[in-house]
Amino acid sequence: MLAKSRIFSVLLLGLGAALVTWGLVSPHFFHDDGRLPLSLEDTTLTVRDENARTTLNPGPGEILPAAVIRQHHVELLDPADAETVTVRIGSTMMREANEEDIERLVEASVWSFVMDRTTGEAVGPATMTSQLGLPPVEVPMTGLWAKFPTDPGKTTYEVFDGTLRGSAPAVYTDTVERGGRQLNIYRQTIEPTNLATRYADMFNTTTFETGDGGTEPGYLFYSADRDWYVDTETGLVVDIHENLETYYGTRTGEPREQVLVFTGEGTEESVDRLITQAERIPDGSEQRAVITVLLITGAVLMIIGLIGALFGGRRRRRGTTGPVRNT
């Protein structure tokens, strides 16, 4: 029969092994590491320009000054799992005027795609529906959009642009503090691009009259200078500063008819909400601390239990004397 001390040592050994095992496997069950939560509440970023200029409708027309808001609303949908989630982004641009919503609308589109919850990378193509009520189209999806990688680096990332229907590099430029959070700034520059060469759309071309009474084709050009403000722990986009311009020009890019001039940045209210939300997303530090404690405690208990199980009985036998004979 085992001595009580050896039984206790074996129990310590088993408990230590259990703690070490739990410390090693728990990361596979609890994802407390800054990946995009599925329960985000504040998912709308509003970018506003008090002095924008737009046409009343998409395409050529009279350009008018007006305050314009540009909103990006993110929804997280099923199917979703520990690694990926289906994302739907509604992107709208509207004039702030006393008009019906449909008359205030400058442009609108809805994008759906699967995204990696940790890196922010798109997984597969996107489906896009525009304001015109046309059938959805499939668009190759590359780069990031709603989220940068968790703990983003001071490097360059490819970031998707809905108007371009493709990605363009965003280069790290600075780190600033706002609302007690560190934010990385990434500058994205898109040179004037003929959209008719990128995808088919009824508004990508027009016709100009020439001086001799004839006509010549015109093309819609788009350019952007954009700063992405990204939370340095979660990778969430919390602010955007952007200068956008679209115009109809000749084949060589000579501007002829202005369509949009927009210089905006995130409104204070929406940016503060997104920063506050980023604070509530676990970055994994608490879980890593608990795992470290489990591993160290378990290892210590295993060593103590192993020593007790191997040598506790020997010490007891050496200290035991046999019966004394009377002679």
Protein backbone atom coordinates (compact mmCIF):
# COMPACT_ATOMS: atom_id res chain seq x y z
CA MET A 1 0.00 0.00 0.00
CA LEU A 2 1.34 3.42 -0.97
CA ALA A 3 2.27 5.84 1.77
CA LYS A 4 0.01 8.87 2.20
CA SER A 5 2.84 11.20 1.19
CA ARG A 6 3.31 9.37 -2.10
CA ILE A 7 -0.43 9.42 -2.80
CA PHE A 8 -0.45 13.19 -2.22
CA SER A 9 2.58 13.58 -4.51
CA VAL A 10 0.87 11.62 -7.27
CA LEU A 11 -2.19 13.89 -6.91
CA LEU A 12 0.04 16.96 -7.19
CA LEU A 13 1.66 15.48 -10.28
CA GLY A 14 -1.74 14.89 -11.88
CA LEU A 15 -3.00 18.36 -10.99
CA GLY A 16 0.14 19.96 -12.41
CA ALA A 17 -0.19 17.97 -15.64
CA ALA A 18 -3.84 19.07 -15.93
CA LEU A 19 -2.93 22.75 -15.48
CA VAL A 20 -0.15 22.55 -18.08
CA THR A 21 -2.46 20.78 -20.52
CA TRP A 22 -5.20 23.36 -20.05
CA GLY A 23 -2.72 26.18 -20.52
CA LEU A 24 -1.56 24.67 -23.81
CA VAL A 25 -5.01 23.95 -25.28
CA SER A 26 -7.03 26.93 -24.01
CA PRO A 27 -5.97 29.26 -26.87
CA HIS A 28 -7.80 26.90 -29.24
CA PHE A 29 -11.08 27.48 -27.37
CA PHE A 30 -10.84 31.14 -26.28
CA HIS A 31 -9.96 33.70 -28.94
CA ASP A 32 -9.18 36.68 -26.76
CA ASP A 33 -6.57 38.04 -29.15
CA GLY A 34 -7.95 41.18 -30.84
CA ARG A 35 -9.69 39.38 -33.70
CA LEU A 36 -12.85 41.11 -34.92
CA PRO A 37 -15.67 40.36 -32.45
CA LEU A 38 -18.99 39.26 -33.90
CA SER A 39 -20.95 41.53 -31.55
CA LEU A 40 -19.75 45.00 -32.56
CA GLU A 41 -22.38 47.66 -31.85
CA ASP A 42 -20.88 50.83 -33.37
CA THR A 43 -20.04 50.06 -36.97
CA THR A 44 -20.75 53.30 -38.85
CA LEU A 45 -18.09 55.84 -39.76
CA THR A 46 -19.42 59.19 -40.99
CA VAL A 47 -17.08 61.37 -43.07
CA ARG A 48 -18.30 64.94 -43.71
CA ASP A 49 -17.33 67.79 -46.03
CA GLU A 50 -19.03 71.12 -45.35
CA ASN A 51 -18.09 72.50 -48.77
CA ALA A 52 -18.28 69.63 -51.23
CA ARG A 53 -19.31 70.01 -54.85
CA THR A 54 -21.41 67.40 -56.66
CA THR A 55 -23.73 66.98 -59.60
CA LEU A 56 -27.41 66.40 -58.81
CA ASN A 57 -27.30 62.93 -60.35
CA PRO A 58 -24.56 60.46 -61.26
CA GLY A 59 -23.01 61.39 -64.57
CA PRO A 60 -22.62 64.76 -66.32
CA GLY A 61 -24.59 67.75 -65.10
CA GLU A 62 -24.48 71.04 -63.26
CA ILE A 63 -22.16 70.90 -60.28
CA LEU A 64 -23.49 72.45 -57.07
CA PRO A 65 -21.91 73.32 -53.70
CA ALA A 66 -23.38 71.50 -50.71
CA ALA A 67 -22.46 69.87 -47.43
CA VAL A 68 -22.02 66.15 -48.11
CA ILE A 69 -21.75 63.18 -45.77
CA ARG A 70 -20.16 59.90 -46.74
CA GLN A 71 -20.99 56.89 -44.55
CA HIS A 72 -19.52 53.42 -44.29
CA HIS A 73 -21.75 51.02 -42.35
CA VAL A 74 -20.37 47.57 -41.53
CA GLU A 75 -22.50 44.53 -40.67
CA LEU A 76 -21.16 41.15 -39.54
CA LEU A 77 -23.30 38.26 -40.72
CA ASP A 78 -23.48 34.49 -40.92
CA PRO A 79 -21.82 32.33 -41.98
CA ALA A 80 -19.09 33.06 -39.44
CA ASP A 81 -16.64 30.97 -37.47
CA ALA A 82 -13.54 31.43 -35.32
CA GLU A 83 -11.43 32.50 -38.30
CA THR A 84 -13.72 34.25 -40.80
CA VAL A 85 -16.93 36.26 -40.97
CA THR A 86 -19.24 37.46 -43.72
CA VAL A 87 -19.07 41.26 -43.98
CA ARG A 88 -21.58 43.60 -45.58
CA ILE A 89 -20.51 47.21 -46.11
CA GLY A 90 -23.02 49.83 -47.13
CA SER A 91 -21.30 52.89 -48.60
CA THR A 92 -23.38 56.02 -49.26
CA MET A 93 -22.76 59.65 -50.14
CA MET A 94 -25.58 62.15 -49.57
CA ARG A 95 -26.08 65.91 -49.68
CA GLU A 96 -27.31 67.59 -46.50
CA ALA A 97 -30.29 69.44 -47.94
CA ASN A 98 -34.06 69.77 -47.51
CA GLU A 99 -34.82 67.14 -50.11
CA GLU A 100 -36.15 63.61 -50.18
CA ASP A 101 -33.51 60.98 -49.46
CA ILE A 102 -33.54 59.75 -53.05
CA GLU A 103 -32.89 63.31 -54.28
CA ARG A 104 -30.08 63.88 -51.78
CA LEU A 105 -28.31 60.66 -52.77
CA VAL A 106 -25.08 61.12 -54.69
CA GLU A 107 -24.03 57.47 -54.82
CA ALA A 108 -24.60 54.24 -52.93
CA SER A 109 -23.38 50.66 -53.05
CA VAL A 110 -23.53 47.54 -50.90
CA TRP A 111 -20.63 45.11 -50.74
CA SER A 112 -20.62 41.57 -49.32
CA PHE A 113 -17.54 39.38 -48.86
CA VAL A 114 -15.86 36.97 -46.45
CA MET A 115 -13.11 38.43 -44.28
CA ASP A 116 -10.39 36.98 -42.07
CA ARG A 117 -11.23 38.16 -38.55
CA THR A 118 -7.58 38.59 -37.53
CA THR A 119 -5.81 39.93 -40.62
CA GLY A 120 -8.74 41.83 -42.19
CA GLU A 121 -7.91 40.27 -45.57
CA ALA A 122 -10.75 39.45 -47.94
CA VAL A 123 -11.24 35.73 -48.56
CA GLY A 124 -12.55 35.34 -52.10
CA PRO A 125 -14.48 37.79 -54.31
CA ALA A 126 -17.09 40.35 -53.28
CA THR A 127 -20.67 40.83 -54.44
CA MET A 128 -21.62 44.45 -55.19
CA THR A 129 -25.04 46.03 -55.65
CA SER A 130 -25.31 49.67 -56.75
CA GLN A 131 -28.03 52.28 -56.25
CA LEU A 132 -29.33 51.73 -59.77
CA GLY A 133 -31.10 48.51 -58.90
CA LEU A 134 -29.09 46.49 -61.40
CA PRO A 135 -28.32 42.82 -60.72
CA PRO A 136 -25.42 42.22 -58.30
CA VAL A 137 -21.98 41.86 -59.85
CA GLU A 138 -19.01 39.86 -58.63
CA VAL A 139 -15.88 41.91 -58.05
CA PRO A 140 -12.42 40.45 -57.36
CA MET A 141 -11.65 41.45 -53.79
CA THR A 142 -8.07 42.05 -52.72
CA GLY A 143 -6.52 43.74 -49.71
CA LEU A 144 -8.08 45.19 -46.58
CA TRP A 145 -11.11 47.40 -46.06
CA ALA A 146 -13.06 47.42 -42.79
CA LYS A 147 -10.17 46.22 -40.65
CA PHE A 148 -6.37 46.16 -40.70
CA PRO A 149 -4.45 43.28 -39.11
CA THR A 150 -4.50 43.00 -35.34
CA ASP A 151 -1.45 44.91 -34.03
CA PRO A 152 -0.82 46.52 -37.45
CA GLY A 153 2.77 47.18 -38.41
CA LYS A 154 4.54 50.33 -39.56
CA THR A 155 4.53 49.14 -43.12
CA THR A 156 2.49 49.26 -46.34
CA TYR A 157 -0.84 47.48 -46.83
CA GLU A 158 -2.99 47.00 -49.90
CA VAL A 159 -6.39 48.57 -49.12
CA PHE A 160 -9.54 48.20 -51.21
CA ASP A 161 -11.29 51.18 -52.80
CA GLY A 162 -14.93 50.73 -53.84
CA THR A 163 -14.88 53.33 -56.61
CA LEU A 164 -11.67 51.92 -58.06
CA ARG A 165 -12.99 48.37 -57.54
CA GLY A 166 -9.49 47.36 -56.63
CA SER A 167 -6.78 47.92 -54.07
CA ALA A 168 -4.06 50.54 -53.78
CA PRO A 169 -1.13 50.72 -51.34
CA ALA A 170 -1.56 52.56 -48.05
CA VAL A 171 1.82 53.58 -46.61
CA TYR A 172 2.47 54.06 -42.89
CA THR A 173 3.26 57.74 -42.16
CA ASP A 174 2.79 58.43 -38.44
CA THR A 175 1.38 57.35 -35.07
CA VAL A 176 -0.85 59.72 -33.10
CA GLU A 177 -2.83 59.54 -29.88
CA ARG A 178 -6.55 60.21 -29.66
CA GLY A 179 -8.93 59.41 -26.85
CA GLY A 180 -6.16 57.60 -25.01
CA ARG A 181 -5.57 55.21 -27.96
CA GLN A 182 -2.58 54.97 -30.26
CA LEU A 183 -3.56 55.25 -33.93
CA ASN A 184 -1.40 54.43 -36.95
CA ILE A 185 -1.93 56.62 -40.02
CA TYR A 186 -1.63 55.06 -43.48
CA ARG A 187 -1.61 57.33 -46.55
CA GLN A 188 -3.28 55.99 -49.70
CA THR A 189 -2.82 57.87 -52.97
CA ILE A 190 -4.74 56.99 -56.13
CA GLU A 191 -3.66 58.96 -59.17
CA PRO A 192 -6.34 60.05 -61.70
CA THR A 193 -7.60 56.78 -63.16
CA ASN A 194 -9.87 56.23 -66.15
CA LEU A 195 -12.60 54.08 -64.61
CA ALA A 196 -13.81 52.96 -68.04
CA THR A 197 -10.58 50.96 -68.35
CA ARG A 198 -11.26 49.17 -65.06
CA TYR A 199 -14.90 48.07 -65.35
CA ALA A 200 -18.07 48.62 -67.38
CA ASP A 201 -20.60 51.12 -66.03
CA MET A 202 -23.17 53.32 -67.75
CA PHE A 203 -21.70 56.47 -66.13
CA ASN A 204 -18.06 55.75 -66.97
CA THR A 205 -18.32 57.36 -70.41
CA THR A 206 -19.96 60.42 -71.93
CA THR A 207 -19.82 62.47 -75.14
CA PHE A 208 -18.28 65.92 -75.58
CA GLU A 209 -19.15 68.35 -78.33
CA THR A 210 -16.22 69.57 -80.40
CA GLY A 211 -15.65 73.01 -81.85
CA ASP A 212 -16.45 71.88 -85.37
CA GLY A 213 -19.90 70.61 -84.41
CA GLY A 214 -18.84 67.00 -83.97
CA THR A 215 -18.44 64.85 -80.86
CA GLU A 216 -15.72 62.97 -79.08
CA PRO A 217 -15.86 60.40 -76.27
CA GLY A 218 -15.30 61.39 -72.64
CA TYR A 219 -14.24 59.18 -69.75
CA LEU A 220 -14.84 59.30 -66.00
CA PHE A 221 -11.61 59.82 -64.05
CA TYR A 222 -11.24 59.22 -60.32
CA SER A 223 -8.49 60.18 -57.88
CA ALA A 224 -8.11 60.02 -54.10
CA ASP A 225 -5.76 61.01 -51.29
CA ARG A 226 -6.81 59.21 -48.14
CA ASP A 227 -5.46 58.81 -44.61
CA TRP A 228 -6.62 55.71 -42.74
CA TYR A 229 -6.54 56.05 -38.93
CA VAL A 230 -6.13 52.56 -37.48
CA ASP A 231 -6.22 51.46 -33.84
CA THR A 232 -2.80 49.96 -33.07
CA GLU A 233 -4.14 47.06 -30.97
CA THR A 234 -7.28 45.87 -32.75
CA GLY A 235 -6.62 47.04 -36.31
CA LEU A 236 -10.06 48.70 -36.45
CA VAL A 237 -10.44 51.71 -38.75
CA VAL A 238 -11.67 54.57 -36.53
CA ASP A 239 -11.26 57.60 -38.82
CA ILE A 240 -10.72 58.54 -42.46
CA HIS A 241 -9.47 61.83 -43.91
CA GLU A 242 -9.89 61.92 -47.68
CA ASN A 243 -9.77 64.13 -50.74
CA LEU A 244 -11.82 62.69 -53.61
CA GLU A 245 -12.30 63.97 -57.14
CA THR A 246 -14.13 62.67 -60.19
CA TYR A 247 -14.40 64.37 -63.54
CA TYR A 248 -15.06 63.60 -67.19
CA GLY A 249 -12.01 64.04 -69.33
CA THR A 250 -10.52 63.21 -72.68
CA ARG A 251 -8.75 59.99 -73.44
CA THR A 252 -5.49 61.62 -72.32
CA GLY A 253 -7.01 62.70 -68.99
CA GLU A 254 -7.61 66.40 -69.73
CA PRO A 255 -10.48 67.51 -67.41
CA ARG A 256 -13.65 68.73 -69.15
CA GLU A 257 -16.61 68.36 -66.73
CA GLN A 258 -16.35 68.20 -62.94
CA VAL A 259 -18.52 65.59 -61.19
CA LEU A 260 -17.35 65.52 -57.56
CA VAL A 261 -14.95 67.35 -55.26
CA PHE A 262 -15.01 66.05 -51.69
CA THR A 263 -12.60 66.87 -48.86
CA GLY A 264 -13.82 65.31 -45.62
CA GLU A 265 -12.88 63.66 -42.36
CA GLY A 266 -14.66 61.57 -39.78
CA THR A 267 -17.13 63.46 -37.60
CA GLU A 268 -16.06 63.82 -33.98
CA GLU A 269 -19.11 61.89 -32.74
CA SER A 270 -18.61 58.84 -34.95
CA VAL A 271 -14.83 58.73 -34.41
CA ASP A 272 -15.18 58.95 -30.62
CA ARG A 273 -17.71 56.08 -30.66
CA LEU A 274 -15.39 53.87 -32.67
CA ILE A 275 -12.40 54.63 -30.43
CA THR A 276 -14.44 53.88 -27.32
CA GLN A 277 -15.51 50.60 -28.86
CA ALA A 278 -11.89 49.67 -29.67
CA GLU A 279 -11.08 50.03 -25.97
CA ARG A 280 -13.59 47.30 -25.14
CA ILE A 281 -12.11 44.72 -27.49
CA PRO A 282 -9.75 42.36 -25.63
CA ASP A 283 -6.20 42.39 -26.94
CA GLY A 284 -5.27 39.01 -25.47
CA SER A 285 -3.05 40.33 -22.64
CA GLU A 286 -5.31 38.98 -19.87
CA GLN A 287 -5.58 35.55 -21.48
CA ARG A 288 -1.82 35.38 -22.02
CA ALA A 289 -1.25 36.25 -18.35
CA VAL A 290 -3.65 33.51 -17.21
CA ILE A 291 -2.02 30.97 -19.54
CA THR A 292 1.42 31.89 -18.20
CA VAL A 293 0.23 31.40 -14.61
CA LEU A 294 -1.32 28.02 -15.50
CA LEU A 295 1.85 26.80 -17.18
CA ILE A 296 4.20 27.94 -14.40
CA THR A 297 1.95 26.67 -11.59
CA GLY A 298 1.40 23.36 -13.35
CA ALA A 299 5.11 22.87 -13.98
CA VAL A 300 5.99 23.60 -10.34
CA LEU A 301 3.32 21.19 -9.08
CA MET A 302 4.55 18.48 -11.47
CA ILE A 303 8.14 18.87 -10.24
CA ILE A 304 7.08 18.75 -6.57
CA GLY A 305 4.79 15.77 -7.20
CA LEU A 306 7.43 13.92 -9.19
CA ILE A 307 10.07 14.41 -6.48
CA GLY A 308 7.64 13.29 -3.80
CA ALA A 309 6.49 10.25 -5.76
CA LEU A 310 10.05 9.08 -6.53
CA PHE A 311 11.86 9.80 -3.28
CA GLY A 312 9.23 10.15 -0.56
CA GLY A 313 8.96 6.39 0.02
CA ARG A 314 12.76 5.89 0.18
CA ARG A 315 13.15 8.43 2.96
CA ARG A 316 10.43 6.67 4.90
CA ARG A 317 12.08 3.23 4.54
CA ARG A 318 15.48 4.52 5.63
CA GLY A 319 14.01 6.06 8.76
CA THR A 320 12.20 2.85 9.84
CA THR A 321 13.88 0.42 12.37
CA GLY A 322 13.00 -3.20 12.86
CA PRO A 323 11.96 -4.89 16.15
CA VAL A 324 14.61 -5.29 18.93
CA ARG A 325 15.36 -8.86 19.99
CA ASN A 326 15.97 -9.71 23.62
CA THR A 327 18.99 -11.94 24.15
